[in-house]
């Protein structure tokens, strides 16, 4: 994947089209919430999604995909087998 200047690989996935995001949110494939980056480690963040019983952990910078603390983001919840184990 090339970066914005076409110079080498980017670690981030490309953003989805806005219309695709809206459709995904309406269909329940994506969830929307505010990103809260940990004060202790920028590699960990959570998203509080209205209607879900717990915050969703974003466990690395790559998964944050250029979002900054306080941004409204759309997330896709991974299959349970890809969830972190023993996170408290």
PDB file of N, CA and C in Angstrom:
ATOM      1  N   UNK A   1       0.846  -1.170   0.000  1.00  0.00           N
ATOM      2  CA  UNK A   1       0.000   0.000   0.000  1.00  0.00           C
ATOM      3  C   UNK A   1       0.895   1.239   0.000  1.00  0.00           C
ATOM      4  N   UNK A   2       0.659   2.171  -0.859  1.00  0.00           N
ATOM      5  CA  UNK A   2       1.449   3.395  -0.934  1.00  0.00           C
ATOM      6  C   UNK A   2       0.892   4.445   0.021  1.00  0.00           C
ATOM      7  N   UNK A   3       1.777   5.301   0.538  1.00  0.00           N
ATOM      8  CA  UNK A   3       1.307   6.390   1.367  1.00  0.00           C
ATOM      9  C   UNK A   3       0.726   7.493   0.486  1.00  0.00           C
ATOM     10  N   UNK A   4       0.283   8.593   1.093  1.00  0.00           N
ATOM     11  CA  UNK A   4      -0.390   9.654   0.339  1.00  0.00           C
ATOM     12  C   UNK A   4       0.478  10.263  -0.748  1.00  0.00           C
ATOM     13  N   UNK A   5       1.778  10.293  -0.550  1.00  0.00           N
ATOM     14  CA  UNK A   5       2.680  10.845  -1.554  1.00  0.00           C
ATOM     15  C   UNK A   5       3.130   9.791  -2.556  1.00  0.00           C
ATOM     16  N   UNK A   6       2.676   8.547  -2.383  1.00  0.00           N
ATOM     17  CA  UNK A   6       3.088   7.478  -3.274  1.00  0.00           C
ATOM     18  C   UNK A   6       4.486   6.978  -2.980  1.00  0.00           C
ATOM     19  N   UNK A   7       4.975   7.257  -1.778  1.00  0.00           N
ATOM     20  CA  UNK A   7       6.346   6.914  -1.415  1.00  0.00           C
ATOM     21  C   UNK A   7       6.361   5.773  -0.406  1.00  0.00           C
ATOM     22  N   UNK A   8       6.375   4.574  -0.856  1.00  0.00           N
ATOM     23  CA  UNK A   8       6.523   3.444   0.048  1.00  0.00           C
ATOM     24  C   UNK A   8       5.235   2.996   0.690  1.00  0.00           C
ATOM     25  N   UNK A   9       5.383   2.028   1.574  1.00  0.00           N
ATOM     26  CA  UNK A   9       4.235   1.398   2.207  1.00  0.00           C
ATOM     27  C   UNK A   9       3.739   2.213   3.395  1.00  0.00           C
ATOM     28  N   UNK A  10       2.435   2.213   3.570  1.00  0.00           N
ATOM     29  CA  UNK A  10       1.806   2.821   4.727  1.00  0.00           C
ATOM     30  C   UNK A  10       1.385   1.699   5.670  1.00  0.00           C
ATOM     31  N   UNK A  11       1.478   1.932   6.964  1.00  0.00           N
ATOM     32  CA  UNK A  11       1.054   0.897   7.908  1.00  0.00           C
ATOM     33  C   UNK A  11      -0.467   0.895   8.075  1.00  0.00           C
ATOM     34  N   UNK A  12      -1.129   1.930   7.612  1.00  0.00           N
ATOM     35  CA  UNK A  12      -2.562   2.072   7.831  1.00  0.00           C
ATOM     36  C   UNK A  12      -3.383   1.585   6.639  1.00  0.00           C
ATOM     37  N   UNK A  13      -4.577   1.090   6.954  1.00  0.00           N
ATOM     38  CA  UNK A  13      -5.533   0.750   5.903  1.00  0.00           C
ATOM     39  C   UNK A  13      -6.120   2.025   5.326  1.00  0.00           C
ATOM     40  N   UNK A  14      -6.562   1.953   4.088  1.00  0.00           N
ATOM     41  CA  UNK A  14      -7.227   3.102   3.478  1.00  0.00           C
ATOM     42  C   UNK A  14      -8.568   3.323   4.168  1.00  0.00           C
ATOM     43  N   UNK A  15      -8.983   4.586   4.246  1.00  0.00           N
ATOM     44  CA  UNK A  15     -10.295   4.892   4.808  1.00  0.00           C
ATOM     45  C   UNK A  15     -11.382   4.440   3.849  1.00  0.00           C
ATOM     46  N   UNK A  16     -12.510   4.029   4.402  1.00  0.00           N
ATOM     47  CA  UNK A  16     -13.662   3.682   3.583  1.00  0.00           C
ATOM     48  C   UNK A  16     -14.366   4.944   3.111  1.00  0.00           C
ATOM     49  N   UNK A  17     -15.100   4.835   2.017  1.00  0.00           N
ATOM     50  CA  UNK A  17     -15.917   5.954   1.555  1.00  0.00           C
ATOM     51  C   UNK A  17     -16.972   6.274   2.609  1.00  0.00           C
ATOM     52  N   UNK A  18     -17.314   7.553   2.732  1.00  0.00           N
ATOM     53  CA  UNK A  18     -18.296   7.990   3.727  1.00  0.00           C
ATOM     54  C   UNK A  18     -19.631   7.274   3.536  1.00  0.00           C
ATOM     55  N   UNK A  19     -20.054   7.117   2.289  1.00  0.00           N
ATOM     56  CA  UNK A  19     -21.335   6.450   2.028  1.00  0.00           C
ATOM     57  C   UNK A  19     -21.283   4.987   2.473  1.00  0.00           C
ATOM     58  N   UNK A  20     -20.147   4.330   2.281  1.00  0.00           N
ATOM     59  CA  UNK A  20     -19.987   2.945   2.719  1.00  0.00           C
ATOM     60  C   UNK A  20     -20.043   2.850   4.245  1.00  0.00           C
ATOM     61  N   UNK A  21     -19.447   3.833   4.928  1.00  0.00           N
ATOM     62  CA  UNK A  21     -19.509   3.867   6.382  1.00  0.00           C
ATOM     63  C   UNK A  21     -20.945   4.023   6.877  1.00  0.00           C
ATOM     64  N   UNK A  22     -21.671   4.950   6.280  1.00  0.00           N
ATOM     65  CA  UNK A  22     -23.056   5.175   6.694  1.00  0.00           C
ATOM     66  C   UNK A  22     -23.911   3.933   6.504  1.00  0.00           C
ATOM     67  N   UNK A  23     -23.750   3.277   5.373  1.00  0.00           N
ATOM     68  CA  UNK A  23     -24.498   2.037   5.116  1.00  0.00           C
ATOM     69  C   UNK A  23     -24.119   0.977   6.145  1.00  0.00           C
ATOM     70  N   UNK A  24     -22.825   0.828   6.422  1.00  0.00           N
ATOM     71  CA  UNK A  24     -22.354  -0.146   7.400  1.00  0.00           C
ATOM     72  C   UNK A  24     -22.879   0.119   8.802  1.00  0.00           C
ATOM     73  N   UNK A  25     -22.981   1.390   9.179  1.00  0.00           N
ATOM     74  CA  UNK A  25     -23.531   1.748  10.492  1.00  0.00           C
ATOM     75  C   UNK A  25     -25.014   1.398  10.541  1.00  0.00           C
ATOM     76  N   UNK A  26     -25.745   1.738   9.496  1.00  0.00           N
ATOM     77  CA  UNK A  26     -27.184   1.427   9.451  1.00  0.00           C
ATOM     78  C   UNK A  26     -27.439  -0.070   9.471  1.00  0.00           C
ATOM     79  N   UNK A  27     -26.568  -0.859   8.822  1.00  0.00           N
ATOM     80  CA  UNK A  27     -26.719  -2.315   8.769  1.00  0.00           C
ATOM     81  C   UNK A  27     -26.191  -3.012  10.026  1.00  0.00           C
ATOM     82  N   UNK A  28     -25.490  -2.281  10.903  1.00  0.00           N
ATOM     83  CA  UNK A  28     -24.945  -2.872  12.113  1.00  0.00           C
ATOM     84  C   UNK A  28     -23.583  -3.527  11.939  1.00  0.00           C
ATOM     85  N   UNK A  29     -22.946  -3.324  10.786  1.00  0.00           N
ATOM     86  CA  UNK A  29     -21.591  -3.858  10.584  1.00  0.00           C
ATOM     87  C   UNK A  29     -20.554  -2.996  11.281  1.00  0.00           C
ATOM     88  N   UNK A  30     -20.804  -1.700  11.368  1.00  0.00           N
ATOM     89  CA  UNK A  30     -19.905  -0.754  12.014  1.00  0.00           C
ATOM     90  C   UNK A  30     -20.635  -0.074  13.152  1.00  0.00           C
ATOM     91  N   UNK A  31     -19.854   0.371  14.145  1.00  0.00           N
ATOM     92  CA  UNK A  31     -20.394   1.100  15.285  1.00  0.00           C
ATOM     93  C   UNK A  31     -19.663   2.429  15.377  1.00  0.00           C
ATOM     94  N   UNK A  32     -20.356   3.435  15.859  1.00  0.00           N
ATOM     95  CA  UNK A  32     -19.791   4.775  15.936  1.00  0.00           C
ATOM     96  C   UNK A  32     -19.626   5.171  17.399  1.00  0.00           C
ATOM     97  N   UNK A  33     -18.492   5.829  17.693  1.00  0.00           N
ATOM     98  CA  UNK A  33     -18.250   6.319  19.047  1.00  0.00           C
ATOM     99  C   UNK A  33     -17.039   7.225  19.086  1.00  0.00           C
ATOM    100  N   UNK A  34     -16.737   7.728  20.278  1.00  0.00           N
ATOM    101  CA  UNK A  34     -15.602   8.634  20.465  1.00  0.00           C
ATOM    102  C   UNK A  34     -14.383   7.841  20.922  1.00  0.00           C
ATOM    103  N   UNK A  35     -13.252   8.089  20.266  1.00  0.00           N
ATOM    104  CA  UNK A  35     -11.994   7.417  20.603  1.00  0.00           C
ATOM    105  C   UNK A  35     -11.375   8.078  21.831  1.00  0.00           C
ATOM    106  N   UNK A  36     -11.009   7.254  22.811  1.00  0.00           N
ATOM    107  CA  UNK A  36     -10.340   7.728  24.024  1.00  0.00           C
ATOM    108  C   UNK A  36      -8.995   7.022  24.139  1.00  0.00           C
ATOM    109  N   UNK A  37      -7.925   7.741  23.818  1.00  0.00           N
ATOM    110  CA  UNK A  37      -6.583   7.162  23.869  1.00  0.00           C
ATOM    111  C   UNK A  37      -6.108   7.145  25.318  1.00  0.00           C
ATOM    112  N   UNK A  38      -5.475   6.037  25.713  1.00  0.00           N
ATOM    113  CA  UNK A  38      -4.977   5.875  27.075  1.00  0.00           C
ATOM    114  C   UNK A  38      -3.931   6.941  27.395  1.00  0.00           C
ATOM    115  N   UNK A  39      -3.946   7.409  28.620  1.00  0.00           N
ATOM    116  CA  UNK A  39      -2.912   8.350  29.079  1.00  0.00           C
ATOM    117  C   UNK A  39      -1.590   7.643  29.327  1.00  0.00           C
ATOM    118  N   UNK A  40      -1.640   6.329  29.525  1.00  0.00           N
ATOM    119  CA  UNK A  40      -0.432   5.558  29.851  1.00  0.00           C
ATOM    120  C   UNK A  40       0.278   5.020  28.622  1.00  0.00           C
ATOM    121  N   UNK A  41      -0.473   4.752  27.547  1.00  0.00           N
ATOM    122  CA  UNK A  41       0.121   4.179  26.344  1.00  0.00           C
ATOM    123  C   UNK A  41      -0.697   4.593  25.131  1.00  0.00           C
ATOM    124  N   UNK A  42      -0.055   5.256  24.177  1.00  0.00           N
ATOM    125  CA  UNK A  42      -0.787   5.680  22.981  1.00  0.00           C
ATOM    126  C   UNK A  42      -1.200   4.497  22.109  1.00  0.00           C
ATOM    127  N   UNK A  43      -0.666   3.328  22.412  1.00  0.00           N
ATOM    128  CA  UNK A  43      -1.023   2.138  21.646  1.00  0.00           C
ATOM    129  C   UNK A  43      -2.369   1.556  22.057  1.00  0.00           C
ATOM    130  N   UNK A  44      -2.938   2.014  23.170  1.00  0.00           N
ATOM    131  CA  UNK A  44      -4.226   1.519  23.618  1.00  0.00           C
ATOM    132  C   UNK A  44      -5.240   2.642  23.643  1.00  0.00           C
ATOM    133  N   UNK A  45      -6.427   2.320  23.160  1.00  0.00           N
ATOM    134  CA  UNK A  45      -7.527   3.273  23.174  1.00  0.00           C
ATOM    135  C   UNK A  45      -8.815   2.491  23.355  1.00  0.00           C
ATOM    136  N   UNK A  46      -9.857   3.195  23.753  1.00  0.00           N
ATOM    137  CA  UNK A  46     -11.171   2.586  23.851  1.00  0.00           C
ATOM    138  C   UNK A  46     -12.169   3.434  23.074  1.00  0.00           C
ATOM    139  N   UNK A  47     -13.259   2.792  22.688  1.00  0.00           N
ATOM    140  CA  UNK A  47     -14.367   3.488  22.044  1.00  0.00           C
ATOM    141  C   UNK A  47     -15.621   3.126  22.822  1.00  0.00           C
ATOM    142  N   UNK A  48     -16.326   4.148  23.299  1.00  0.00           N
ATOM    143  CA  UNK A  48     -17.574   3.939  24.008  1.00  0.00           C
ATOM    144  C   UNK A  48     -18.698   4.053  22.994  1.00  0.00           C
ATOM    145  N   UNK A  49     -19.364   2.929  22.737  1.00  0.00           N
ATOM    146  CA  UNK A  49     -20.420   2.878  21.736  1.00  0.00           C
ATOM    147  C   UNK A  49     -21.767   2.825  22.450  1.00  0.00           C
ATOM    148  N   UNK A  50     -22.636   3.777  22.124  1.00  0.00           N
ATOM    149  CA  UNK A  50     -23.966   3.793  22.717  1.00  0.00           C
ATOM    150  C   UNK A  50     -24.712   2.509  22.343  1.00  0.00           C
ATOM    151  N   UNK A  51     -25.330   1.887  23.338  1.00  0.00           N
ATOM    152  CA  UNK A  51     -26.074   0.661  23.082  1.00  0.00           C
ATOM    153  C   UNK A  51     -25.292  -0.606  23.375  1.00  0.00           C
ATOM    154  N   UNK A  52     -23.977  -0.510  23.505  1.00  0.00           N
ATOM    155  CA  UNK A  52     -23.173  -1.669  23.897  1.00  0.00           C
ATOM    156  C   UNK A  52     -22.870  -1.552  25.384  1.00  0.00           C
ATOM    157  N   UNK A  53     -22.742  -2.674  26.053  1.00  0.00           N
ATOM    158  CA  UNK A  53     -22.590  -2.681  27.510  1.00  0.00           C
ATOM    159  C   UNK A  53     -21.185  -2.355  27.993  1.00  0.00           C
ATOM    160  N   UNK A  54     -20.202  -2.387  27.115  1.00  0.00           N
ATOM    161  CA  UNK A  54     -18.836  -2.106  27.552  1.00  0.00           C
ATOM    162  C   UNK A  54     -18.086  -1.348  26.468  1.00  0.00           C
ATOM    163  N   UNK A  55     -16.990  -0.720  26.894  1.00  0.00           N
ATOM    164  CA  UNK A  55     -16.142  -0.037  25.929  1.00  0.00           C
ATOM    165  C   UNK A  55     -15.428  -1.063  25.065  1.00  0.00           C
ATOM    166  N   UNK A  56     -15.095  -0.667  23.851  1.00  0.00           N
ATOM    167  CA  UNK A  56     -14.371  -1.532  22.924  1.00  0.00           C
ATOM    168  C   UNK A  56     -12.902  -1.132  22.956  1.00  0.00           C
ATOM    169  N   UNK A  57     -12.027  -2.101  23.172  1.00  0.00           N
ATOM    170  CA  UNK A  57     -10.587  -1.848  23.225  1.00  0.00           C
ATOM    171  C   UNK A  57     -10.003  -1.841  21.821  1.00  0.00           C
ATOM    172  N   UNK A  58      -9.217  -0.821  21.527  1.00  0.00           N
ATOM    173  CA  UNK A  58      -8.419  -0.748  20.303  1.00  0.00           C
ATOM    174  C   UNK A  58      -6.985  -0.929  20.776  1.00  0.00           C
ATOM    175  N   UNK A  59      -6.347  -2.044  20.397  1.00  0.00           N
ATOM    176  CA  UNK A  59      -5.121  -2.451  21.081  1.00  0.00           C
ATOM    177  C   UNK A  59      -3.810  -2.083  20.391  1.00  0.00           C
ATOM    178  N   UNK A  60      -3.851  -1.351  19.293  1.00  0.00           N
ATOM    179  CA  UNK A  60      -2.580  -0.939  18.691  1.00  0.00           C
ATOM    180  C   UNK A  60      -2.776   0.300  17.819  1.00  0.00           C
ATOM    181  N   UNK A  61      -1.677   0.948  17.515  1.00  0.00           N
ATOM    182  CA  UNK A  61      -1.700   2.176  16.707  1.00  0.00           C
ATOM    183  C   UNK A  61      -2.292   1.906  15.328  1.00  0.00           C
ATOM    184  N   UNK A  62      -1.917   0.796  14.721  1.00  0.00           N
ATOM    185  CA  UNK A  62      -2.407   0.490  13.376  1.00  0.00           C
ATOM    186  C   UNK A  62      -3.930   0.413  13.352  1.00  0.00           C
ATOM    187  N   UNK A  63      -4.523  -0.173  14.372  1.00  0.00           N
ATOM    188  CA  UNK A  63      -5.976  -0.291  14.423  1.00  0.00           C
ATOM    189  C   UNK A  63      -6.656   1.054  14.671  1.00  0.00           C
ATOM    190  N   UNK A  64      -5.932   2.015  15.213  1.00  0.00           N
ATOM    191  CA  UNK A  64      -6.492   3.360  15.399  1.00  0.00           C
ATOM    192  C   UNK A  64      -6.565   4.119  14.072  1.00  0.00           C
ATOM    193  N   UNK A  65      -5.804   3.679  13.094  1.00  0.00           N
ATOM    194  CA  UNK A  65      -5.863   4.184  11.711  1.00  0.00           C
ATOM    195  C   UNK A  65      -5.882   5.708  11.601  1.00  0.00           C
ATOM    196  N   UNK A  66      -4.925   6.345  12.229  1.00  0.00           N
ATOM    197  CA  UNK A  66      -4.713   7.794  12.175  1.00  0.00           C
ATOM    198  C   UNK A  66      -5.690   8.612  13.016  1.00  0.00           C
ATOM    199  N   UNK A  67      -6.619   7.977  13.716  1.00  0.00           N
ATOM    200  CA  UNK A  67      -7.562   8.719  14.555  1.00  0.00           C
ATOM    201  C   UNK A  67      -6.831   9.267  15.777  1.00  0.00           C
ATOM    202  N   UNK A  68      -7.281  10.412  16.252  1.00  0.00           N
ATOM    203  CA  UNK A  68      -6.692  11.067  17.411  1.00  0.00           C
ATOM    204  C   UNK A  68      -7.673  11.050  18.566  1.00  0.00           C
ATOM    205  N   UNK A  69      -7.160  11.234  19.764  1.00  0.00           N
ATOM    206  CA  UNK A  69      -8.008  11.269  20.947  1.00  0.00           C
ATOM    207  C   UNK A  69      -9.168  12.239  20.758  1.00  0.00           C
ATOM    208  N   UNK A  70     -10.366  11.764  21.028  1.00  0.00           N
ATOM    209  CA  UNK A  70     -11.556  12.599  20.929  1.00  0.00           C
ATOM    210  C   UNK A  70     -12.263  12.532  19.587  1.00  0.00           C
ATOM    211  N   UNK A  71     -11.634  11.933  18.578  1.00  0.00           N
ATOM    212  CA  UNK A  71     -12.273  11.808  17.263  1.00  0.00           C
ATOM    213  C   UNK A  71     -13.485  10.884  17.338  1.00  0.00           C
ATOM    214  N   UNK A  72     -14.499  11.186  16.551  1.00  0.00           N
ATOM    215  CA  UNK A  72     -15.623  10.281  16.366  1.00  0.00           C
ATOM    216  C   UNK A  72     -15.196   9.295  15.286  1.00  0.00           C
ATOM    217  N   UNK A  73     -15.266   8.010  15.608  1.00  0.00           N
ATOM    218  CA  UNK A  73     -14.775   6.975  14.704  1.00  0.00           C
ATOM    219  C   UNK A  73     -15.862   5.947  14.435  1.00  0.00           C
ATOM    220  N   UNK A  74     -15.694   5.232  13.352  1.00  0.00           N
ATOM    221  CA  UNK A  74     -16.523   4.068  13.049  1.00  0.00           C
ATOM    222  C   UNK A  74     -15.630   2.851  13.191  1.00  0.00           C
ATOM    223  N   UNK A  75     -16.111   1.855  13.919  1.00  0.00           N
ATOM    224  CA  UNK A  75     -15.308   0.647  14.148  1.00  0.00           C
ATOM    225  C   UNK A  75     -16.087  -0.581  13.716  1.00  0.00           C
ATOM    226  N   UNK A  76     -15.327  -1.602  13.392  1.00  0.00           N
ATOM    227  CA  UNK A  76     -15.897  -2.915  13.101  1.00  0.00           C
ATOM    228  C   UNK A  76     -15.418  -3.848  14.203  1.00  0.00           C
ATOM    229  N   UNK A  77     -16.333  -4.561  14.819  1.00  0.00           N
ATOM    230  CA  UNK A  77     -15.956  -5.476  15.885  1.00  0.00           C
ATOM    231  C   UNK A  77     -15.488  -6.777  15.254  1.00  0.00           C
ATOM    232  N   UNK A  78     -14.276  -7.171  15.624  1.00  0.00           N
ATOM    233  CA  UNK A  78     -13.665  -8.377  15.074  1.00  0.00           C
ATOM    234  C   UNK A  78     -14.370  -9.627  15.582  1.00  0.00           C
ATOM    235  N   UNK A  79     -14.215 -10.744  14.864  1.00  0.00           N
ATOM    236  CA  UNK A  79     -14.743 -12.018  15.366  1.00  0.00           C
ATOM    237  C   UNK A  79     -14.130 -12.330  16.736  1.00  0.00           C
ATOM    238  N   UNK A  80     -14.880 -12.989  17.596  1.00  0.00           N
ATOM    239  CA  UNK A  80     -14.452 -13.237  18.971  1.00  0.00           C
ATOM    240  C   UNK A  80     -13.101 -13.941  19.061  1.00  0.00           C
ATOM    241  N   UNK A  81     -12.769 -14.790  18.090  1.00  0.00           N
ATOM    242  CA  UNK A  81     -11.487 -15.507  18.145  1.00  0.00           C
ATOM    243  C   UNK A  81     -10.290 -14.559  18.010  1.00  0.00           C
ATOM    244  N   UNK A  82     -10.509 -13.327  17.548  1.00  0.00           N
ATOM    245  CA  UNK A  82      -9.420 -12.352  17.411  1.00  0.00           C
ATOM    246  C   UNK A  82      -9.351 -11.385  18.586  1.00  0.00           C
ATOM    247  N   UNK A  83     -10.238 -11.530  19.554  1.00  0.00           N
ATOM    248  CA  UNK A  83     -10.221 -10.657  20.723  1.00  0.00           C
ATOM    249  C   UNK A  83      -9.025 -10.985  21.599  1.00  0.00           C
ATOM    250  N   UNK A  84      -8.547  -9.988  22.341  1.00  0.00           N
ATOM    251  CA  UNK A  84      -7.473 -10.218  23.308  1.00  0.00           C
ATOM    252  C   UNK A  84      -8.002 -11.055  24.460  1.00  0.00           C
ATOM    253  N   UNK A  85      -7.173 -11.923  24.968  1.00  0.00           N
ATOM    254  CA  UNK A  85      -7.551 -12.739  26.105  1.00  0.00           C
ATOM    255  C   UNK A  85      -6.966 -12.141  27.373  1.00  0.00           C
ATOM    256  N   UNK A  86      -7.683 -12.289  28.461  1.00  0.00           N
ATOM    257  CA  UNK A  86      -7.238 -11.857  29.787  1.00  0.00           C
ATOM    258  C   UNK A  86      -7.016 -10.357  29.912  1.00  0.00           C
ATOM    259  N   UNK A  87      -7.711  -9.552  29.124  1.00  0.00           N
ATOM    260  CA  UNK A  87      -7.599  -8.106  29.280  1.00  0.00           C
ATOM    261  C   UNK A  87      -8.539  -7.672  30.392  1.00  0.00           C
ATOM    262  N   UNK A  88      -8.039  -6.852  31.309  1.00  0.00           N
ATOM    263  CA  UNK A  88      -8.882  -6.385  32.431  1.00  0.00           C
ATOM    264  C   UNK A  88      -8.884  -4.897  32.482  1.00  0.00           C
TER     265      UNK A  88
END
